[in-house]
Amino acid sequence: MGKDWTSLVDLHVGIWTCATYGLSVNGKFLKQHNEKGYALYGHLHTGDIIQVYHDKTACLRFRCEFYLGSGRHPRPHGTSFNTLIGTKVTND
């Protein structure tokens, strides 16, 4: 208790969504959960682009910029956003 979280080892920036239609990270679709009901998420890096809305005439995107943890460095060249599986999502 009282420890500075900014100095934690293996500090990562993550993203998951509750958006019904998901979102995209660097063009890769991220949905709420997989077919078995497990949450889907991934790690972010400075320079990643999150797109939360897109239709035929407009879109809404954000460029990530972090100053702490592993995400402060741009994603290594030749690597892409990977979707990871988390815990089971419940409606409780």
PDB file of N, CA and C in Angstrom:
ATOM      1  N   MET A   1       0.839  -1.178   0.000  1.00  0.00           N
ATOM      2  CA  MET A   1       0.000   0.000   0.000  1.00  0.00           C
ATOM      3  C   MET A   1       0.886   1.244   0.000  1.00  0.00           C
ATOM      4  N   GLY A   2       0.486   2.243  -0.741  1.00  0.00           N
ATOM      5  CA  GLY A   2       1.248   3.467  -0.816  1.00  0.00           C
ATOM      6  C   GLY A   2       2.395   3.418  -1.805  1.00  0.00           C
ATOM      7  N   LYS A   3       2.522   2.322  -2.572  1.00  0.00           N
ATOM      8  CA  LYS A   3       3.598   2.201  -3.553  1.00  0.00           C
ATOM      9  C   LYS A   3       3.237   3.006  -4.803  1.00  0.00           C
ATOM     10  N   ASP A   4       4.240   3.639  -5.387  1.00  0.00           N
ATOM     11  CA  ASP A   4       4.058   4.431  -6.596  1.00  0.00           C
ATOM     12  C   ASP A   4       3.827   3.502  -7.790  1.00  0.00           C
ATOM     13  N   TRP A   5       2.627   3.483  -8.353  1.00  0.00           N
ATOM     14  CA  TRP A   5       2.293   2.568  -9.446  1.00  0.00           C
ATOM     15  C   TRP A   5       3.100   2.847 -10.705  1.00  0.00           C
ATOM     16  N   THR A   6       3.610   4.070 -10.846  1.00  0.00           N
ATOM     17  CA  THR A   6       4.368   4.404 -12.049  1.00  0.00           C
ATOM     18  C   THR A   6       5.719   3.702 -12.097  1.00  0.00           C
ATOM     19  N   SER A   7       6.152   3.130 -10.984  1.00  0.00           N
ATOM     20  CA  SER A   7       7.446   2.439 -10.946  1.00  0.00           C
ATOM     21  C   SER A   7       7.291   0.920 -10.971  1.00  0.00           C
ATOM     22  N   LEU A   8       6.078   0.420 -11.204  1.00  0.00           N
ATOM     23  CA  LEU A   8       5.862  -1.019 -11.234  1.00  0.00           C
ATOM     24  C   LEU A   8       6.608  -1.669 -12.397  1.00  0.00           C
ATOM     25  N   VAL A   9       7.142  -2.827 -12.160  1.00  0.00           N
ATOM     26  CA  VAL A   9       7.819  -3.603 -13.200  1.00  0.00           C
ATOM     27  C   VAL A   9       6.746  -4.208 -14.109  1.00  0.00           C
ATOM     28  N   ASP A  10       7.017  -4.292 -15.411  1.00  0.00           N
ATOM     29  CA  ASP A  10       6.078  -4.856 -16.384  1.00  0.00           C
ATOM     30  C   ASP A  10       4.760  -4.088 -16.452  1.00  0.00           C
ATOM     31  N   LEU A  11       4.828  -2.784 -16.358  1.00  0.00           N
ATOM     32  CA  LEU A  11       3.652  -1.928 -16.477  1.00  0.00           C
ATOM     33  C   LEU A  11       3.240  -1.858 -17.948  1.00  0.00           C
ATOM     34  N   HIS A  12       2.003  -2.241 -18.255  1.00  0.00           N
ATOM     35  CA  HIS A  12       1.487  -2.259 -19.619  1.00  0.00           C
ATOM     36  C   HIS A  12       0.241  -1.394 -19.720  1.00  0.00           C
ATOM     37  N   VAL A  13      -0.073  -0.954 -20.916  1.00  0.00           N
ATOM     38  CA  VAL A  13      -1.319  -0.252 -21.202  1.00  0.00           C
ATOM     39  C   VAL A  13      -2.184  -1.221 -21.990  1.00  0.00           C
ATOM     40  N   GLY A  14      -3.405  -1.433 -21.533  1.00  0.00           N
ATOM     41  CA  GLY A  14      -4.287  -2.381 -22.204  1.00  0.00           C
ATOM     42  C   GLY A  14      -5.578  -1.734 -22.662  1.00  0.00           C
ATOM     43  N   ILE A  15      -6.252  -2.418 -23.573  1.00  0.00           N
ATOM     44  CA  ILE A  15      -7.547  -1.948 -24.054  1.00  0.00           C
ATOM     45  C   ILE A  15      -8.490  -3.124 -24.184  1.00  0.00           C
ATOM     46  N   TRP A  16      -9.727  -2.916 -23.764  1.00  0.00           N
ATOM     47  CA  TRP A  16     -10.835  -3.834 -24.031  1.00  0.00           C
ATOM     48  C   TRP A  16     -12.053  -2.958 -24.209  1.00  0.00           C
ATOM     49  N   THR A  17     -13.097  -3.484 -24.771  1.00  0.00           N
ATOM     50  CA  THR A  17     -14.246  -2.645 -25.096  1.00  0.00           C
ATOM     51  C   THR A  17     -15.557  -3.274 -24.648  1.00  0.00           C
ATOM     52  N   CYS A  18     -16.483  -2.432 -24.333  1.00  0.00           N
ATOM     53  CA  CYS A  18     -17.867  -2.852 -24.078  1.00  0.00           C
ATOM     54  C   CYS A  18     -18.755  -2.401 -25.242  1.00  0.00           C
ATOM     55  N   ALA A  19     -18.141  -1.846 -26.276  1.00  0.00           N
ATOM     56  CA  ALA A  19     -18.893  -1.373 -27.435  1.00  0.00           C
ATOM     57  C   ALA A  19     -19.547  -2.557 -28.144  1.00  0.00           C
ATOM     58  N   THR A  20     -20.822  -2.459 -28.396  1.00  0.00           N
ATOM     59  CA  THR A  20     -21.577  -3.529 -29.051  1.00  0.00           C
ATOM     60  C   THR A  20     -20.942  -3.958 -30.357  1.00  0.00           C
ATOM     61  N   TYR A  21     -20.461  -2.996 -31.142  1.00  0.00           N
ATOM     62  CA  TYR A  21     -19.892  -3.309 -32.440  1.00  0.00           C
ATOM     63  C   TYR A  21     -18.368  -3.308 -32.449  1.00  0.00           C
ATOM     64  N   GLY A  22     -17.752  -3.285 -31.272  1.00  0.00           N
ATOM     65  CA  GLY A  22     -16.307  -3.339 -31.167  1.00  0.00           C
ATOM     66  C   GLY A  22     -15.622  -2.061 -31.605  1.00  0.00           C
ATOM     67  N   LEU A  23     -14.312  -2.154 -31.802  1.00  0.00           N
ATOM     68  CA  LEU A  23     -13.494  -1.043 -32.273  1.00  0.00           C
ATOM     69  C   LEU A  23     -12.295  -1.631 -32.997  1.00  0.00           C
ATOM     70  N   SER A  24     -11.457  -0.773 -33.548  1.00  0.00           N
ATOM     71  CA  SER A  24     -10.266  -1.246 -34.259  1.00  0.00           C
ATOM     72  C   SER A  24      -9.014  -0.625 -33.659  1.00  0.00           C
ATOM     73  N   VAL A  25      -7.962  -1.419 -33.587  1.00  0.00           N
ATOM     74  CA  VAL A  25      -6.650  -0.937 -33.178  1.00  0.00           C
ATOM     75  C   VAL A  25      -5.702  -1.205 -34.337  1.00  0.00           C
ATOM     76  N   ASN A  26      -5.179  -0.130 -34.916  1.00  0.00           N
ATOM     77  CA  ASN A  26      -4.296  -0.239 -36.090  1.00  0.00           C
ATOM     78  C   ASN A  26      -4.939  -1.065 -37.206  1.00  0.00           C
ATOM     79  N   GLY A  27      -6.251  -0.927 -37.352  1.00  0.00           N
ATOM     80  CA  GLY A  27      -6.980  -1.628 -38.403  1.00  0.00           C
ATOM     81  C   GLY A  27      -7.395  -3.044 -38.047  1.00  0.00           C
ATOM     82  N   LYS A  28      -7.021  -3.527 -36.873  1.00  0.00           N
ATOM     83  CA  LYS A  28      -7.399  -4.876 -36.454  1.00  0.00           C
ATOM     84  C   LYS A  28      -8.615  -4.793 -35.535  1.00  0.00           C
ATOM     85  N   PHE A  29      -9.668  -5.510 -35.895  1.00  0.00           N
ATOM     86  CA  PHE A  29     -10.934  -5.460 -35.168  1.00  0.00           C
ATOM     87  C   PHE A  29     -10.797  -6.101 -33.793  1.00  0.00           C
ATOM     88  N   LEU A  30     -11.335  -5.426 -32.773  1.00  0.00           N
ATOM     89  CA  LEU A  30     -11.382  -5.940 -31.407  1.00  0.00           C
ATOM     90  C   LEU A  30     -12.830  -5.924 -30.963  1.00  0.00           C
ATOM     91  N   LYS A  31     -13.401  -7.100 -30.732  1.00  0.00           N
ATOM     92  CA  LYS A  31     -14.789  -7.167 -30.274  1.00  0.00           C
ATOM     93  C   LYS A  31     -14.830  -7.362 -28.768  1.00  0.00           C
ATOM     94  N   GLN A  32     -16.038  -7.290 -28.203  1.00  0.00           N
ATOM     95  CA  GLN A  32     -16.218  -7.400 -26.754  1.00  0.00           C
ATOM     96  C   GLN A  32     -15.689  -8.713 -26.206  1.00  0.00           C
ATOM     97  N   HIS A  33     -16.088  -9.802 -26.830  1.00  0.00           N
ATOM     98  CA  HIS A  33     -15.741 -11.131 -26.309  1.00  0.00           C
ATOM     99  C   HIS A  33     -15.766 -12.145 -27.436  1.00  0.00           C
ATOM    100  N   ASN A  34     -15.196 -13.305 -27.175  1.00  0.00           N
ATOM    101  CA  ASN A  34     -15.201 -14.353 -28.192  1.00  0.00           C
ATOM    102  C   ASN A  34     -16.484 -15.178 -28.094  1.00  0.00           C
ATOM    103  N   GLU A  35     -16.591 -16.203 -28.920  1.00  0.00           N
ATOM    104  CA  GLU A  35     -17.809 -17.011 -28.973  1.00  0.00           C
ATOM    105  C   GLU A  35     -18.070 -17.786 -27.684  1.00  0.00           C
ATOM    106  N   LYS A  36     -17.060 -17.937 -26.823  1.00  0.00           N
ATOM    107  CA  LYS A  36     -17.233 -18.643 -25.548  1.00  0.00           C
ATOM    108  C   LYS A  36     -17.514 -17.679 -24.399  1.00  0.00           C
ATOM    109  N   GLY A  37     -17.590 -16.381 -24.701  1.00  0.00           N
ATOM    110  CA  GLY A  37     -17.928 -15.386 -23.683  1.00  0.00           C
ATOM    111  C   GLY A  37     -16.742 -14.817 -22.925  1.00  0.00           C
ATOM    112  N   TYR A  38     -15.511 -15.062 -23.396  1.00  0.00           N
ATOM    113  CA  TYR A  38     -14.330 -14.521 -22.734  1.00  0.00           C
ATOM    114  C   TYR A  38     -13.985 -13.150 -23.292  1.00  0.00           C
ATOM    115  N   ALA A  39     -13.672 -12.209 -22.395  1.00  0.00           N
ATOM    116  CA  ALA A  39     -13.313 -10.851 -22.801  1.00  0.00           C
ATOM    117  C   ALA A  39     -12.070 -10.881 -23.678  1.00  0.00           C
ATOM    118  N   LEU A  40     -12.016  -9.991 -24.647  1.00  0.00           N
ATOM    119  CA  LEU A  40     -10.862  -9.851 -25.525  1.00  0.00           C
ATOM    120  C   LEU A  40     -10.207  -8.503 -25.257  1.00  0.00           C
ATOM    121  N   TYR A  41      -8.884  -8.483 -25.277  1.00  0.00           N
ATOM    122  CA  TYR A  41      -8.150  -7.251 -24.994  1.00  0.00           C
ATOM    123  C   TYR A  41      -6.798  -7.308 -25.691  1.00  0.00           C
ATOM    124  N   GLY A  42      -6.028  -6.252 -25.566  1.00  0.00           N
ATOM    125  CA  GLY A  42      -4.683  -6.226 -26.122  1.00  0.00           C
ATOM    126  C   GLY A  42      -3.880  -5.103 -25.501  1.00  0.00           C
ATOM    127  N   HIS A  43      -2.569  -5.136 -25.722  1.00  0.00           N
ATOM    128  CA  HIS A  43      -1.668  -4.108 -25.208  1.00  0.00           C
ATOM    129  C   HIS A  43      -1.496  -3.007 -26.242  1.00  0.00           C
ATOM    130  N   LEU A  44      -1.408  -1.783 -25.752  1.00  0.00           N
ATOM    131  CA  LEU A  44      -1.241  -0.617 -26.621  1.00  0.00           C
ATOM    132  C   LEU A  44       0.164  -0.045 -26.506  1.00  0.00           C
ATOM    133  N   HIS A  45       0.561   0.682 -27.553  1.00  0.00           N
ATOM    134  CA  HIS A  45       1.848   1.379 -27.591  1.00  0.00           C
ATOM    135  C   HIS A  45       1.633   2.778 -28.147  1.00  0.00           C
ATOM    136  N   THR A  46       2.557   3.666 -27.832  1.00  0.00           N
ATOM    137  CA  THR A  46       2.544   5.001 -28.428  1.00  0.00           C
ATOM    138  C   THR A  46       2.515   4.863 -29.949  1.00  0.00           C
ATOM    139  N   GLY A  47       1.655   5.647 -30.576  1.00  0.00           N
ATOM    140  CA  GLY A  47       1.526   5.618 -32.026  1.00  0.00           C
ATOM    141  C   GLY A  47       0.394   4.738 -32.529  1.00  0.00           C
ATOM    142  N   ASP A  48      -0.140   3.855 -31.685  1.00  0.00           N
ATOM    143  CA  ASP A  48      -1.271   3.026 -32.101  1.00  0.00           C
ATOM    144  C   ASP A  48      -2.473   3.922 -32.382  1.00  0.00           C
ATOM    145  N   ILE A  49      -3.280   3.508 -33.343  1.00  0.00           N
ATOM    146  CA  ILE A  49      -4.487   4.250 -33.714  1.00  0.00           C
ATOM    147  C   ILE A  49      -5.712   3.433 -33.314  1.00  0.00           C
ATOM    148  N   ILE A  50      -6.555   4.028 -32.475  1.00  0.00           N
ATOM    149  CA  ILE A  50      -7.812   3.400 -32.063  1.00  0.00           C
ATOM    150  C   ILE A  50      -8.935   4.060 -32.834  1.00  0.00           C
ATOM    151  N   GLN A  51      -9.692   3.261 -33.567  1.00  0.00           N
ATOM    152  CA  GLN A  51     -10.841   3.779 -34.313  1.00  0.00           C
ATOM    153  C   GLN A  51     -12.099   3.275 -33.635  1.00  0.00           C
ATOM    154  N   VAL A  52     -12.913   4.223 -33.145  1.00  0.00           N
ATOM    155  CA  VAL A  52     -14.107   3.857 -32.393  1.00  0.00           C
ATOM    156  C   VAL A  52     -15.395   3.994 -33.187  1.00  0.00           C
ATOM    157  N   TYR A  53     -15.305   4.641 -34.350  1.00  0.00           N
ATOM    158  CA  TYR A  53     -16.510   4.833 -35.166  1.00  0.00           C
ATOM    159  C   TYR A  53     -16.102   4.960 -36.619  1.00  0.00           C
ATOM    160  N   HIS A  54     -16.929   4.394 -37.509  1.00  0.00           N
ATOM    161  CA  HIS A  54     -16.673   4.540 -38.934  1.00  0.00           C
ATOM    162  C   HIS A  54     -17.957   4.261 -39.705  1.00  0.00           C
ATOM    163  N   ASP A  55     -18.300   5.142 -40.595  1.00  0.00           N
ATOM    164  CA  ASP A  55     -19.396   4.885 -41.538  1.00  0.00           C
ATOM    165  C   ASP A  55     -18.920   5.364 -42.902  1.00  0.00           C
ATOM    166  N   LYS A  56     -19.814   5.512 -43.839  1.00  0.00           N
ATOM    167  CA  LYS A  56     -19.421   5.864 -45.212  1.00  0.00           C
ATOM    168  C   LYS A  56     -18.833   7.263 -45.343  1.00  0.00           C
ATOM    169  N   THR A  57     -19.176   8.176 -44.432  1.00  0.00           N
ATOM    170  CA  THR A  57     -18.740   9.562 -44.593  1.00  0.00           C
ATOM    171  C   THR A  57     -17.839  10.091 -43.486  1.00  0.00           C
ATOM    172  N   ALA A  58     -17.723   9.381 -42.370  1.00  0.00           N
ATOM    173  CA  ALA A  58     -16.944   9.912 -41.250  1.00  0.00           C
ATOM    174  C   ALA A  58     -16.367   8.783 -40.396  1.00  0.00           C
ATOM    175  N   CYS A  59     -15.337   9.140 -39.637  1.00  0.00           N
ATOM    176  CA  CYS A  59     -14.799   8.186 -38.664  1.00  0.00           C
ATOM    177  C   CYS A  59     -14.229   8.980 -37.485  1.00  0.00           C
ATOM    178  N   LEU A  60     -14.037   8.287 -36.373  1.00  0.00           N
ATOM    179  CA  LEU A  60     -13.475   8.894 -35.175  1.00  0.00           C
ATOM    180  C   LEU A  60     -12.310   8.027 -34.730  1.00  0.00           C
ATOM    181  N   ARG A  61     -11.108   8.610 -34.737  1.00  0.00           N
ATOM    182  CA  ARG A  61      -9.886   7.890 -34.396  1.00  0.00           C
ATOM    183  C   ARG A  61      -9.098   8.662 -33.352  1.00  0.00           C
ATOM    184  N   PHE A  62      -8.320   7.917 -32.582  1.00  0.00           N
ATOM    185  CA  PHE A  62      -7.430   8.503 -31.593  1.00  0.00           C
ATOM    186  C   PHE A  62      -6.034   7.910 -31.770  1.00  0.00           C
ATOM    187  N   ARG A  63      -5.018   8.735 -31.654  1.00  0.00           N
ATOM    188  CA  ARG A  63      -3.632   8.259 -31.676  1.00  0.00           C
ATOM    189  C   ARG A  63      -3.143   8.203 -30.235  1.00  0.00           C
ATOM    190  N   CYS A  64      -2.614   7.061 -29.831  1.00  0.00           N
ATOM    191  CA  CYS A  64      -2.160   6.851 -28.457  1.00  0.00           C
ATOM    192  C   CYS A  64      -0.800   7.487 -28.221  1.00  0.00           C
ATOM    193  N   GLU A  65      -0.632   8.021 -27.023  1.00  0.00           N
ATOM    194  CA  GLU A  65       0.652   8.540 -26.599  1.00  0.00           C
ATOM    195  C   GLU A  65       0.788   8.283 -25.104  1.00  0.00           C
ATOM    196  N   PHE A  66       1.793   7.490 -24.749  1.00  0.00           N
ATOM    197  CA  PHE A  66       2.011   7.100 -23.355  1.00  0.00           C
ATOM    198  C   PHE A  66       3.409   7.513 -22.923  1.00  0.00           C
ATOM    199  N   TYR A  67       3.566   7.755 -21.636  1.00  0.00           N
ATOM    200  CA  TYR A  67       4.837   8.224 -21.100  1.00  0.00           C
ATOM    201  C   TYR A  67       5.449   7.276 -20.074  1.00  0.00           C
ATOM    202  N   LEU A  68       4.748   6.192 -19.761  1.00  0.00           N
ATOM    203  CA  LEU A  68       5.221   5.238 -18.762  1.00  0.00           C
ATOM    204  C   LEU A  68       5.034   3.812 -19.266  1.00  0.00           C
ATOM    205  N   GLY A  69       5.766   2.890 -18.707  1.00  0.00           N
ATOM    206  CA  GLY A  69       5.580   1.473 -18.995  1.00  0.00           C
ATOM    207  C   GLY A  69       6.037   1.071 -20.384  1.00  0.00           C
ATOM    208  N   SER A  70       5.769  -0.182 -20.718  1.00  0.00           N
ATOM    209  CA  SER A  70       6.210  -0.721 -22.006  1.00  0.00           C
ATOM    210  C   SER A  70       5.525  -0.035 -23.179  1.00  0.00           C
ATOM    211  N   GLY A  71       4.355   0.529 -22.975  1.00  0.00           N
ATOM    212  CA  GLY A  71       3.617   1.192 -24.042  1.00  0.00           C
ATOM    213  C   GLY A  71       4.179   2.537 -24.451  1.00  0.00           C
ATOM    214  N   ARG A  72       5.134   3.059 -23.687  1.00  0.00           N
ATOM    215  CA  ARG A  72       5.688   4.379 -24.038  1.00  0.00           C
ATOM    216  C   ARG A  72       6.524   4.320 -25.312  1.00  0.00           C
ATOM    217  N   HIS A  73       7.014   3.138 -25.649  1.00  0.00           N
ATOM    218  CA  HIS A  73       7.787   2.960 -26.872  1.00  0.00           C
ATOM    219  C   HIS A  73       6.848   2.571 -28.014  1.00  0.00           C
ATOM    220  N   PRO A  74       7.083   3.085 -29.213  1.00  0.00           N
ATOM    221  CA  PRO A  74       6.257   2.659 -30.346  1.00  0.00           C
ATOM    222  C   PRO A  74       6.321   1.143 -30.531  1.00  0.00           C
ATOM    223  N   ARG A  75       5.271   0.613 -31.108  1.00  0.00           N
ATOM    224  CA  ARG A  75       5.220  -0.829 -31.379  1.00  0.00           C
ATOM    225  C   ARG A  75       6.422  -1.212 -32.238  1.00  0.00           C
ATOM    226  N   PRO A  76       7.126  -2.266 -31.870  1.00  0.00           N
ATOM    227  CA  PRO A  76       8.302  -2.676 -32.660  1.00  0.00           C
ATOM    228  C   PRO A  76       7.936  -2.929 -34.124  1.00  0.00           C
ATOM    229  N   HIS A  77       8.825  -2.515 -35.020  1.00  0.00           N
ATOM    230  CA  HIS A  77       8.609  -2.679 -36.457  1.00  0.00           C
ATOM    231  C   HIS A  77       8.340  -4.148 -36.786  1.00  0.00           C
ATOM    232  N   GLY A  78       7.342  -4.380 -37.612  1.00  0.00           N
ATOM    233  CA  GLY A  78       7.016  -5.738 -38.033  1.00  0.00           C
ATOM    234  C   GLY A  78       6.069  -6.469 -37.104  1.00  0.00           C
ATOM    235  N   THR A  79       5.666  -5.818 -36.011  1.00  0.00           N
ATOM    236  CA  THR A  79       4.702  -6.451 -35.105  1.00  0.00           C
ATOM    237  C   THR A  79       3.358  -5.758 -35.231  1.00  0.00           C
ATOM    238  N   SER A  80       2.294  -6.459 -34.874  1.00  0.00           N
ATOM    239  CA  SER A  80       0.957  -5.881 -34.956  1.00  0.00           C
ATOM    240  C   SER A  80       0.236  -6.057 -33.633  1.00  0.00           C
ATOM    241  N   PHE A  81      -0.897  -5.390 -33.513  1.00  0.00           N
ATOM    242  CA  PHE A  81      -1.746  -5.527 -32.335  1.00  0.00           C
ATOM    243  C   PHE A  81      -2.238  -6.965 -32.256  1.00  0.00           C
ATOM    244  N   ASN A  82      -2.082  -7.589 -31.103  1.00  0.00           N
ATOM    245  CA  ASN A  82      -2.548  -8.959 -30.895  1.00  0.00           C
ATOM    246  C   ASN A  82      -3.707  -8.980 -29.925  1.00  0.00           C
ATOM    247  N   THR A  83      -4.728  -9.725 -30.255  1.00  0.00           N
ATOM    248  CA  THR A  83      -5.881  -9.891 -29.376  1.00  0.00           C
ATOM    249  C   THR A  83      -5.580 -11.011 -28.392  1.00  0.00           C
ATOM    250  N   LEU A  84      -5.764 -10.720 -27.104  1.00  0.00           N
ATOM    251  CA  LEU A  84      -5.556 -11.682 -26.034  1.00  0.00           C
ATOM    252  C   LEU A  84      -6.894 -12.040 -25.412  1.00  0.00           C
ATOM    253  N   ILE A  85      -6.961 -13.183 -24.743  1.00  0.00           N
ATOM    254  CA  ILE A  85      -8.204 -13.638 -24.122  1.00  0.00           C
ATOM    255  C   ILE A  85      -8.119 -13.442 -22.615  1.00  0.00           C
ATOM    256  N   GLY A  86      -9.155 -12.801 -22.069  1.00  0.00           N
ATOM    257  CA  GLY A  86      -9.216 -12.544 -20.635  1.00  0.00           C
ATOM    258  C   GLY A  86     -10.171 -13.490 -19.935  1.00  0.00           C
ATOM    259  N   THR A  87     -10.836 -12.980 -18.921  1.00  0.00           N
ATOM    260  CA  THR A  87     -11.766 -13.772 -18.126  1.00  0.00           C
ATOM    261  C   THR A  87     -13.148 -13.808 -18.749  1.00  0.00           C
ATOM    262  N   LYS A  88     -13.964 -14.717 -18.294  1.00  0.00           N
ATOM    263  CA  LYS A  88     -15.315 -14.868 -18.801  1.00  0.00           C
ATOM    264  C   LYS A  88     -16.138 -13.624 -18.426  1.00  0.00           C
ATOM    265  N   VAL A  89     -16.890 -13.121 -19.388  1.00  0.00           N
ATOM    266  CA  VAL A  89     -17.740 -11.949 -19.185  1.00  0.00           C
ATOM    267  C   VAL A  89     -19.104 -12.417 -18.709  1.00  0.00           C
ATOM    268  N   THR A  90     -19.587 -11.817 -17.627  1.00  0.00           N
ATOM    269  CA  THR A  90     -20.920 -12.157 -17.134  1.00  0.00           C
ATOM    270  C   THR A  90     -21.782 -10.907 -17.134  1.00  0.00           C
ATOM    271  N   ASN A  91     -23.070 -11.099 -17.089  1.00  0.00           N
ATOM    272  CA  ASN A  91     -24.019  -9.983 -17.079  1.00  0.00           C
ATOM    273  C   ASN A  91     -24.571  -9.725 -15.688  1.00  0.00           C
ATOM    274  N   ASP A  92     -23.802 -10.047 -14.659  1.00  0.00           N
ATOM    275  CA  ASP A  92     -24.275  -9.858 -13.268  1.00  0.00           C
ATOM    276  C   ASP A  92     -24.284  -8.418 -12.873  1.00  0.00           C
TER     277      ASP A  92
END
